[in-house]
N, C-alpha and C. Protein backbone atom coordinates (compact mmCIF):
# COMPACT_ATOMS: atom_id res chain seq x y z
N UNK A 1 20.91 13.30 -75.49
CA UNK A 1 22.03 13.26 -74.63
C UNK A 1 21.53 13.03 -73.29
N UNK A 2 22.16 12.73 -72.52
CA UNK A 2 21.74 12.24 -71.19
C UNK A 2 23.44 12.37 -70.59
N UNK A 3 23.22 13.22 -69.55
CA UNK A 3 24.06 13.55 -68.76
C UNK A 3 24.04 13.03 -67.18
N UNK A 4 25.03 12.16 -66.99
CA UNK A 4 25.06 11.43 -65.98
C UNK A 4 26.65 12.04 -65.10
N UNK A 5 25.65 12.08 -63.70
CA UNK A 5 26.81 12.71 -62.77
C UNK A 5 26.55 11.64 -61.45
N UNK A 6 27.89 10.99 -60.80
CA UNK A 6 27.94 10.17 -60.18
C UNK A 6 28.39 10.71 -58.79
N UNK A 7 28.19 9.88 -57.89
CA UNK A 7 28.58 10.19 -56.31
C UNK A 7 29.41 9.27 -55.96
N UNK A 8 30.95 9.86 -55.86
CA UNK A 8 31.81 8.85 -55.73
C UNK A 8 32.22 8.26 -54.39
N UNK A 9 31.46 8.41 -53.16
CA UNK A 9 31.39 7.49 -51.57
C UNK A 9 30.76 6.10 -52.48
N UNK A 10 29.57 6.03 -53.26
CA UNK A 10 28.73 5.02 -53.46
C UNK A 10 29.80 4.51 -54.89
N UNK A 11 30.15 5.11 -55.80
CA UNK A 11 31.13 4.25 -56.67
C UNK A 11 32.48 3.29 -56.49
N UNK A 12 33.37 3.77 -55.19
CA UNK A 12 34.11 2.84 -54.41
C UNK A 12 33.25 1.73 -53.43
N UNK A 13 32.56 2.47 -53.05
CA UNK A 13 31.66 1.11 -52.20
C UNK A 13 31.30 -0.12 -52.94
N UNK A 14 30.09 0.07 -53.95
CA UNK A 14 30.03 -0.71 -54.80
C UNK A 14 30.63 -1.76 -54.92
N UNK A 15 32.22 -1.06 -55.14
CA UNK A 15 33.05 -2.08 -56.24
C UNK A 15 33.54 -3.23 -54.89
N UNK A 16 32.87 -4.25 -55.14
CA UNK A 16 33.57 -5.55 -54.35
C UNK A 16 34.64 -6.18 -55.21
N UNK A 17 34.16 -6.47 -56.38
CA UNK A 17 34.98 -7.83 -57.25
C UNK A 17 36.10 -6.62 -57.48
N UNK A 18 36.23 -5.44 -57.98
CA UNK A 18 37.34 -4.63 -58.71
C UNK A 18 37.33 -3.54 -58.04
N UNK A 19 37.87 -3.43 -56.50
CA UNK A 19 38.12 -2.24 -55.67
C UNK A 19 38.45 -0.91 -56.23
N UNK A 20 38.77 -0.04 -55.94
CA UNK A 20 38.91 1.29 -56.26
C UNK A 20 40.62 1.34 -55.92
N UNK A 21 41.39 1.53 -56.79
CA UNK A 21 42.84 1.48 -56.49
C UNK A 21 43.47 2.61 -56.07
N UNK A 22 42.58 3.70 -56.11
CA UNK A 22 43.00 4.87 -55.53
C UNK A 22 42.08 5.85 -55.67
N UNK A 23 41.00 5.51 -54.83
CA UNK A 23 39.53 6.45 -54.78
C UNK A 23 40.25 8.00 -54.05
N UNK A 24 38.98 8.68 -54.51
CA UNK A 24 39.55 9.91 -54.25
C UNK A 24 38.10 9.92 -52.74
N UNK A 25 38.59 10.62 -51.39
CA UNK A 25 37.55 11.14 -50.99
C UNK A 25 36.59 12.42 -51.18
N UNK A 26 36.17 12.35 -52.36
CA UNK A 26 35.38 13.84 -52.59
C UNK A 26 33.89 13.80 -51.91
N UNK A 27 33.63 14.58 -51.87
CA UNK A 27 32.19 14.67 -51.13
C UNK A 27 30.90 15.88 -51.96
N UNK A 28 31.47 15.55 -53.52
CA UNK A 28 30.53 16.28 -54.11
C UNK A 28 30.08 15.35 -55.26
N UNK A 29 29.24 15.80 -56.38
CA UNK A 29 28.96 14.92 -57.36
C UNK A 29 29.79 15.14 -58.49
N UNK A 30 30.41 14.43 -58.91
CA UNK A 30 31.28 14.69 -60.79
C UNK A 30 30.67 14.09 -61.77
N UNK A 31 31.35 14.32 -62.77
CA UNK A 31 30.80 13.80 -63.71
C UNK A 31 31.00 12.32 -63.94
N UNK A 32 29.89 11.68 -65.07
CA UNK A 32 30.26 10.26 -65.06
C UNK A 32 30.28 10.71 -66.89
N UNK A 33 29.66 10.78 -67.20
CA UNK A 33 29.54 11.23 -69.22
C UNK A 33 28.52 11.91 -69.40
N UNK A 34 28.58 12.64 -70.39
CA UNK A 34 27.73 13.04 -71.61
C UNK A 34 27.51 11.76 -72.47
N UNK A 35 26.15 11.57 -72.56
CA UNK A 35 26.16 9.91 -73.46
C UNK A 35 25.13 10.10 -74.57
N UNK A 36 25.34 10.52 -76.10
CA UNK A 36 24.06 10.86 -76.66
C UNK A 36 23.47 9.35 -76.45
N UNK A 37 22.22 9.74 -76.69
CA UNK A 37 20.94 8.26 -76.39
C UNK A 37 19.84 8.67 -77.55
N UNK A 38 18.88 7.41 -77.70
CA UNK A 38 17.76 7.68 -78.63
C UNK A 38 16.70 6.84 -77.55
N UNK A 39 15.35 7.32 -77.57
CA UNK A 39 14.26 7.20 -77.07
C UNK A 39 14.09 5.84 -76.53
N UNK A 40 14.32 4.89 -77.75
CA UNK A 40 13.61 3.46 -77.79
C UNK A 40 14.95 2.62 -77.09
N UNK A 41 16.60 3.02 -77.20
CA UNK A 41 17.11 2.47 -76.77
C UNK A 41 18.20 3.43 -75.81
N UNK A 42 18.35 4.20 -74.70
CA UNK A 42 19.17 4.94 -73.91
C UNK A 42 20.45 4.45 -73.94
N UNK A 43 20.60 3.48 -74.11
CA UNK A 43 22.22 2.86 -74.09
C UNK A 43 22.76 3.07 -75.26
N UNK A 44 22.26 3.34 -76.76
CA UNK A 44 22.90 3.64 -77.53
C UNK A 44 22.47 5.09 -78.22
N UNK A 45 23.30 5.49 -79.05
CA UNK A 45 24.32 4.72 -79.52
C UNK A 45 25.83 4.87 -78.73
N UNK A 46 26.61 3.87 -79.16
CA UNK A 46 28.05 3.69 -78.21
C UNK A 46 29.25 3.23 -78.96
N UNK A 47 30.31 3.77 -78.89
CA UNK A 47 31.37 3.13 -79.56
C UNK A 47 31.54 3.56 -81.10
N UNK A 48 31.00 4.56 -81.72
CA UNK A 48 30.74 4.92 -82.73
C UNK A 48 31.98 5.36 -83.46
N UNK A 49 32.37 5.40 -84.72
CA UNK A 49 33.32 5.64 -85.48
C UNK A 49 33.91 7.21 -85.95
N UNK A 50 33.85 7.51 -84.50
CA UNK A 50 34.61 9.27 -84.70
C UNK A 50 35.66 8.99 -84.75
N UNK A 51 36.28 10.28 -83.94
CA UNK A 51 37.77 10.33 -83.56
C UNK A 51 38.53 9.97 -82.77
N UNK A 52 39.25 9.23 -82.70
CA UNK A 52 39.52 9.14 -81.11
C UNK A 52 40.07 10.47 -80.46
N UNK A 53 40.45 9.67 -79.07
CA UNK A 53 40.62 10.88 -78.08
C UNK A 53 42.07 11.33 -78.34
N UNK A 54 41.63 12.77 -78.44
CA UNK A 54 43.20 13.40 -78.43
C UNK A 54 42.95 14.31 -77.42
N UNK A 55 44.08 13.77 -76.50
CA UNK A 55 44.23 14.87 -75.21
C UNK A 55 45.00 16.14 -75.79
N UNK A 56 45.71 17.08 -76.67
CA UNK A 56 45.92 18.06 -76.84
C UNK A 56 44.54 18.60 -77.65
N UNK A 57 43.60 18.23 -78.19
CA UNK A 57 42.58 18.94 -78.53
C UNK A 57 41.28 19.28 -76.70
N UNK A 58 42.14 18.78 -76.21
CA UNK A 58 41.18 19.55 -74.70
C UNK A 58 42.69 20.37 -74.05
N UNK A 59 42.15 21.73 -74.51
CA UNK A 59 42.61 22.83 -73.57
C UNK A 59 43.44 22.75 -72.43
N UNK A 60 44.78 23.36 -71.89
CA UNK A 60 45.02 22.79 -70.49
C UNK A 60 44.26 23.93 -69.66
N UNK A 61 43.50 24.68 -69.95
CA UNK A 61 42.56 25.49 -68.93
C UNK A 61 41.44 24.89 -68.82
N UNK A 62 40.94 23.58 -69.85
CA UNK A 62 40.01 23.14 -69.90
C UNK A 62 39.98 21.96 -68.76
N UNK A 63 41.51 21.08 -68.74
CA UNK A 63 41.89 20.34 -68.29
C UNK A 63 41.92 20.51 -66.61
N UNK A 64 42.08 21.60 -66.28
CA UNK A 64 42.28 22.35 -64.89
C UNK A 64 41.02 21.69 -64.65
N UNK A 65 39.75 22.77 -65.04
CA UNK A 65 38.40 22.25 -64.75
C UNK A 65 37.87 21.24 -64.78
N UNK A 66 37.99 20.25 -65.66
CA UNK A 66 37.69 18.73 -65.94
C UNK A 66 38.36 17.88 -64.59
N UNK A 67 39.35 18.33 -63.87
CA UNK A 67 40.22 17.43 -63.02
C UNK A 67 39.26 17.72 -61.88
N UNK A 68 38.61 18.99 -61.53
CA UNK A 68 37.51 18.96 -60.68
C UNK A 68 36.13 18.33 -61.26
N UNK A 69 35.56 18.54 -62.13
CA UNK A 69 33.94 18.16 -62.37
C UNK A 69 34.25 17.24 -62.85
N UNK A 70 35.12 16.39 -63.46
CA UNK A 70 35.16 15.04 -64.21
C UNK A 70 36.48 14.16 -63.63
N UNK A 71 36.60 13.74 -62.36
CA UNK A 71 37.62 13.34 -62.50
C UNK A 71 37.49 12.26 -62.13
N UNK A 72 38.59 10.50 -62.46
CA UNK A 72 38.73 9.64 -62.44
C UNK A 72 38.29 9.18 -60.91
N UNK A 73 37.56 9.47 -59.94
CA UNK A 73 37.47 8.52 -58.78
C UNK A 73 37.49 6.96 -58.23
N UNK A 74 38.05 6.40 -59.63
CA UNK A 74 38.21 4.81 -59.09
C UNK A 74 40.39 4.77 -59.28
N UNK A 75 40.40 5.07 -59.90
CA UNK A 75 41.79 5.32 -59.66
C UNK A 75 43.06 6.22 -60.01
N UNK A 76 42.27 7.43 -60.20
CA UNK A 76 43.10 8.96 -60.04
C UNK A 76 43.65 9.16 -61.59
N UNK A 77 43.11 8.27 -62.40
CA UNK A 77 43.69 8.31 -63.93
C UNK A 77 42.74 8.88 -64.56
N UNK A 78 42.67 10.36 -64.56
CA UNK A 78 41.76 11.41 -65.25
C UNK A 78 41.78 11.13 -66.60
N UNK A 79 43.03 11.12 -67.47
CA UNK A 79 43.14 11.29 -68.74
C UNK A 79 42.49 9.74 -69.18
N UNK A 80 43.01 9.26 -68.54
CA UNK A 80 41.98 7.37 -69.26
C UNK A 80 40.64 7.41 -69.34
N UNK A 81 40.14 8.33 -67.73
CA UNK A 81 38.70 8.35 -67.54
C UNK A 81 38.29 9.03 -69.14
N UNK A 82 38.81 10.49 -69.12
CA UNK A 82 38.07 11.30 -70.08
C UNK A 82 38.36 10.71 -71.54
N UNK A 83 39.36 9.64 -71.93
CA UNK A 83 39.19 9.01 -73.23
C UNK A 83 38.90 8.21 -73.28
N UNK A 84 38.50 7.29 -72.22
CA UNK A 84 37.28 6.42 -72.54
C UNK A 84 35.80 6.67 -72.57
N UNK A 85 35.51 7.87 -72.18
CA UNK A 85 34.08 8.43 -72.28
C UNK A 85 34.38 9.14 -73.07
N UNK A 86 35.05 9.80 -74.00
CA UNK A 86 35.00 10.48 -75.14
C UNK A 86 34.73 8.87 -76.64
N UNK A 87 36.11 8.34 -76.22
CA UNK A 87 36.00 6.99 -77.18
C UNK A 87 34.47 6.26 -77.51
N UNK A 88 33.77 6.24 -76.46
CA UNK A 88 32.44 5.17 -76.05
C UNK A 88 31.36 5.70 -76.13
N UNK A 89 31.42 7.34 -75.80
CA UNK A 89 30.44 7.99 -76.01
C UNK A 89 30.78 9.58 -77.46
N UNK A 90 31.62 10.15 -76.65
CA UNK A 90 31.49 11.38 -76.97
C UNK A 90 31.92 11.05 -78.78
N UNK A 91 32.05 10.06 -79.45
CA UNK A 91 32.84 9.96 -81.06
C UNK A 91 31.22 9.83 -81.37
N UNK A 92 30.27 9.45 -80.97
CA UNK A 92 29.07 9.73 -81.46
C UNK A 92 28.04 11.17 -81.09
N UNK A 93 29.09 11.71 -80.73
CA UNK A 93 28.22 12.95 -80.27
C UNK A 93 29.09 14.23 -81.76
N UNK A 94 29.80 13.66 -82.30
CA UNK A 94 30.52 14.48 -83.47
C UNK A 94 29.42 15.10 -84.43
N UNK A 95 28.63 14.78 -84.56
CA UNK A 95 27.91 15.66 -85.51
C UNK A 95 27.22 16.79 -84.98
N UNK A 96 27.20 17.14 -83.73
CA UNK A 96 26.54 17.80 -82.60
C UNK A 96 28.19 19.01 -81.92
N UNK A 97 28.77 17.94 -81.31
CA UNK A 97 30.18 18.52 -80.53
C UNK A 97 31.03 17.61 -80.99
N UNK A 98 32.49 18.24 -80.99
CA UNK A 98 33.74 18.16 -81.57
C UNK A 98 33.85 17.83 -80.02
N UNK A 99 35.67 17.61 -80.02
CA UNK A 99 36.20 16.46 -78.73
C UNK A 99 35.67 18.01 -77.71
N UNK A 100 36.65 19.03 -78.17
CA UNK A 100 37.01 20.48 -77.01
C UNK A 100 35.39 20.76 -76.99
N UNK A 101 34.07 20.78 -77.51
CA UNK A 101 33.19 21.38 -77.46
C UNK A 101 32.15 20.44 -76.29
N UNK A 102 32.59 18.50 -76.73
CA UNK A 102 32.16 18.10 -75.40
C UNK A 102 32.50 17.76 -74.08
N UNK A 103 33.63 18.43 -74.28
CA UNK A 103 33.88 18.10 -73.07
C UNK A 103 33.82 19.93 -72.07
N UNK A 104 33.80 20.58 -73.11
CA UNK A 104 33.73 22.20 -72.68
C UNK A 104 31.60 22.06 -72.25
N UNK A 105 31.06 21.40 -72.85
CA UNK A 105 29.23 21.28 -72.64
C UNK A 105 29.10 20.46 -71.66
N UNK A 106 30.11 19.20 -71.09
CA UNK A 106 30.12 18.61 -70.41
C UNK A 106 29.89 19.41 -68.92
N UNK A 107 31.36 20.08 -69.01
CA UNK A 107 31.43 21.01 -67.59
C UNK A 107 30.74 22.03 -67.86
N UNK A 108 30.16 22.55 -68.23
CA UNK A 108 29.39 23.72 -68.39
C UNK A 108 27.82 22.98 -67.87
N UNK A 109 27.75 22.13 -68.11
CA UNK A 109 26.45 21.13 -67.22
C UNK A 109 26.38 20.98 -65.91
N UNK A 110 28.12 20.78 -65.58
CA UNK A 110 27.96 20.03 -64.24
C UNK A 110 28.00 21.40 -63.23
N UNK A 111 28.66 22.45 -63.99
CA UNK A 111 28.38 23.62 -63.11
C UNK A 111 27.15 24.39 -62.93
N UNK A 112 26.35 23.97 -63.93
CA UNK A 112 25.18 24.78 -64.03
C UNK A 112 23.90 24.19 -63.38
N UNK A 113 23.93 22.98 -63.34
CA UNK A 113 23.15 21.71 -62.80
C UNK A 113 23.68 20.93 -61.62
N UNK A 114 24.62 22.15 -60.49
CA UNK A 114 25.10 20.82 -59.41
C UNK A 114 24.56 20.49 -58.35
N UNK A 115 24.39 19.45 -58.69
CA UNK A 115 23.72 18.06 -57.78
C UNK A 115 24.16 18.55 -56.43
N UNK A 116 25.24 18.34 -56.11
CA UNK A 116 25.32 18.89 -54.49
C UNK A 116 24.86 20.11 -54.07
N UNK A 117 24.83 21.20 -54.59
CA UNK A 117 24.52 22.47 -54.04
C UNK A 117 22.53 22.24 -54.26
N UNK A 118 22.66 21.75 -55.35
CA UNK A 118 20.58 21.98 -55.14
C UNK A 118 20.31 21.01 -54.29
N UNK A 119 20.42 19.51 -54.04
CA UNK A 119 20.13 19.01 -52.97
C UNK A 119 20.59 19.64 -50.97
N UNK A 120 21.58 20.08 -51.36
CA UNK A 120 22.17 21.02 -49.96
C UNK A 120 20.81 22.11 -49.48
N UNK A 121 20.92 22.53 -50.77
CA UNK A 121 19.92 23.58 -50.57
C UNK A 121 18.79 23.29 -50.04
N UNK A 122 18.31 22.08 -50.70
CA UNK A 122 16.90 21.29 -50.22
C UNK A 122 17.12 20.28 -48.42
N UNK A 123 18.10 20.73 -47.65
CA UNK A 123 18.64 20.38 -46.49
C UNK A 123 18.57 18.37 -46.87
N UNK A 124 19.70 18.40 -47.89
CA UNK A 124 19.91 16.82 -48.49
C UNK A 124 21.19 16.63 -48.25
N UNK A 125 21.90 16.58 -47.10
CA UNK A 125 23.20 16.29 -47.17
C UNK A 125 23.91 15.19 -46.94
N UNK A 126 24.25 13.90 -47.47
CA UNK A 126 24.98 12.74 -47.56
C UNK A 126 25.36 12.78 -46.14
N UNK A 127 24.94 11.42 -45.56
CA UNK A 127 25.40 11.32 -43.92
C UNK A 127 25.48 9.96 -43.42
N UNK A 128 26.30 8.96 -43.51
CA UNK A 128 26.19 7.68 -42.55
C UNK A 128 24.88 7.05 -42.59
N UNK A 129 24.16 7.82 -41.61
CA UNK A 129 23.13 7.15 -41.29
C UNK A 129 21.75 7.34 -41.37
N UNK A 130 21.64 8.71 -42.19
CA UNK A 130 20.75 9.46 -42.58
C UNK A 130 19.86 8.84 -44.03
N UNK A 131 18.87 8.59 -44.15
CA UNK A 131 18.12 8.10 -45.49
C UNK A 131 17.25 8.83 -45.41
N UNK A 132 16.88 8.95 -47.18
CA UNK A 132 16.24 9.87 -47.67
C UNK A 132 15.04 9.17 -48.69
N UNK A 133 13.96 9.55 -48.73
CA UNK A 133 13.02 8.79 -49.38
C UNK A 133 13.68 9.33 -50.89
N UNK A 134 13.00 8.29 -52.32
CA UNK A 134 13.35 8.55 -53.89
C UNK A 134 12.59 10.02 -54.36
N UNK A 135 11.21 10.25 -53.35
CA UNK A 135 10.92 11.34 -53.71
C UNK A 135 11.37 12.88 -53.19
N UNK A 136 12.09 12.05 -52.00
CA UNK A 136 12.94 13.36 -51.43
C UNK A 136 13.95 14.63 -52.21
N UNK A 137 14.67 13.28 -53.27
CA UNK A 137 16.06 13.16 -54.12
C UNK A 137 15.13 13.79 -54.94
N UNK A 138 14.22 13.26 -55.94
CA UNK A 138 13.90 14.21 -56.81
C UNK A 138 13.45 15.58 -57.22
N UNK A 139 12.34 15.66 -55.85
CA UNK A 139 11.94 17.13 -55.77
C UNK A 139 12.90 17.98 -56.21
N UNK A 140 13.82 17.95 -55.52
CA UNK A 140 14.50 19.74 -55.50
C UNK A 140 15.30 19.47 -56.75
N UNK A 141 15.64 18.29 -57.65
CA UNK A 141 16.41 18.60 -58.50
C UNK A 141 15.28 18.68 -59.84
N UNK A 142 14.05 18.17 -59.69
CA UNK A 142 13.30 18.51 -60.99
C UNK A 142 12.91 20.09 -60.64
N UNK A 143 12.88 20.74 -59.48
CA UNK A 143 12.68 21.84 -59.31
C UNK A 143 13.22 22.86 -59.98
N UNK A 144 14.86 22.59 -59.94
CA UNK A 144 16.01 23.37 -60.34
C UNK A 144 16.21 23.03 -61.91
N UNK A 145 16.06 21.42 -62.23
CA UNK A 145 16.88 21.39 -63.79
C UNK A 145 14.99 21.30 -64.77
N UNK A 146 14.23 21.66 -64.20
CA UNK A 146 12.97 21.87 -64.65
C UNK A 146 12.71 20.11 -65.72
N UNK A 147 13.31 19.67 -65.66
CA UNK A 147 13.37 18.28 -65.79
C UNK A 147 13.26 16.90 -64.64
N UNK A 148 12.47 16.21 -64.75
CA UNK A 148 12.47 14.88 -63.55
C UNK A 148 13.63 13.66 -64.09
N UNK A 149 14.58 13.95 -62.96
CA UNK A 149 15.55 13.12 -63.11
C UNK A 149 15.58 11.85 -62.97
N UNK A 150 16.70 10.58 -63.41
CA UNK A 150 16.30 9.26 -63.09
C UNK A 150 17.51 9.58 -61.73
N UNK A 151 16.84 8.67 -60.89
CA UNK A 151 18.20 8.07 -59.86
C UNK A 151 18.66 6.65 -59.79
N UNK A 152 20.06 6.45 -60.20
CA UNK A 152 20.26 4.77 -60.05
C UNK A 152 20.70 4.59 -58.81
N UNK A 153 20.47 3.75 -58.38
CA UNK A 153 20.94 3.24 -57.01
C UNK A 153 21.72 1.94 -56.71
N UNK A 154 22.29 1.73 -55.58
CA UNK A 154 22.74 -0.11 -56.08
C UNK A 154 22.88 -0.04 -54.55
N UNK A 155 22.73 -1.27 -53.91
CA UNK A 155 22.52 -1.75 -52.80
C UNK A 155 23.79 -1.75 -51.95
N UNK A 156 23.33 -1.32 -51.03
CA UNK A 156 24.85 -1.51 -49.97
C UNK A 156 25.28 -2.82 -49.66
N UNK A 157 26.79 -2.91 -50.03
CA UNK A 157 27.30 -4.79 -49.92
C UNK A 157 27.61 -4.76 -48.26
N UNK A 158 27.52 -3.91 -47.43
CA UNK A 158 27.34 -3.64 -46.17
C UNK A 158 26.54 -4.07 -45.25
N UNK A 159 25.55 -3.97 -46.15
CA UNK A 159 24.06 -4.35 -45.19
C UNK A 159 23.82 -5.18 -44.92
N UNK A 160 23.53 -5.38 -43.54
CA UNK A 160 22.88 -6.60 -43.10
C UNK A 160 21.76 -7.06 -43.63
N UNK A 161 22.06 -8.31 -44.34
CA UNK A 161 20.87 -9.16 -45.18
C UNK A 161 19.24 -9.44 -44.53
N UNK A 162 19.74 -9.11 -43.19
CA UNK A 162 18.31 -9.72 -42.72
C UNK A 162 17.29 -8.03 -42.48
N UNK A 163 18.01 -7.00 -42.62
CA UNK A 163 17.64 -5.87 -41.99
C UNK A 163 16.70 -4.81 -43.31
N UNK A 164 16.74 -4.00 -43.07
CA UNK A 164 15.78 -2.74 -44.08
C UNK A 164 16.38 -3.26 -45.31
N UNK A 165 15.74 -2.74 -46.27
CA UNK A 165 16.51 -2.88 -47.53
C UNK A 165 17.14 -1.26 -47.95
N UNK A 166 18.04 -1.02 -48.05
CA UNK A 166 18.58 0.78 -48.37
C UNK A 166 18.98 0.46 -49.62
N UNK A 167 19.06 1.77 -50.67
CA UNK A 167 20.00 2.04 -51.53
C UNK A 167 20.70 2.95 -51.31
N UNK A 168 22.18 2.68 -51.99
CA UNK A 168 23.14 3.60 -52.15
C UNK A 168 22.78 4.74 -53.50
N UNK A 169 22.54 5.98 -53.14
CA UNK A 169 22.34 6.85 -54.64
C UNK A 169 24.00 6.75 -55.55
N UNK A 170 23.70 6.42 -56.40
CA UNK A 170 24.84 6.20 -57.60
C UNK A 170 24.73 7.36 -58.50
N UNK A 171 24.00 7.06 -58.97
CA UNK A 171 24.10 8.71 -60.50
C UNK A 171 23.02 8.92 -60.72
N UNK A 172 22.95 10.34 -60.96
CA UNK A 172 21.55 11.35 -61.64
C UNK A 172 21.62 11.38 -62.61
N UNK A 173 20.90 11.06 -63.46
CA UNK A 173 20.92 11.19 -64.77
C UNK A 173 19.45 11.95 -65.51
């Protein structure tokens, strides 16, 4: 599995062609998804022939938790986001996790591996003018999780083309 957390401000900032319709001003990492993967092709499997998303299989108590840990930061339609992630990735995990377990496990991982707090404890706090090296971000996450994270970054669309090239942190895998 790949557990992917996203930084909401970057998620909306880099969407030029399809801007976020109802962005949330969240200042903490949120879940993008829990993706079954294999070593040879980390983007597979997806869109498996499992059971389709059933809102009633996610308990009301879990829905409240997911609204914080796994919100739709682009349009505000949390249920549609969860449905899309389940249908694309969760259906491929049914051999290990049923729908409720999939969302429970994702929330537990988000809570246990709180990237926002891990970075804050290393004095890395998002700021519009502050930059960090890749290694500065990887080191505290690796120490806390005992795994080397993959950082996915995106170019800043507002960046001066002739200036130094910086990237915006988008996702932590």
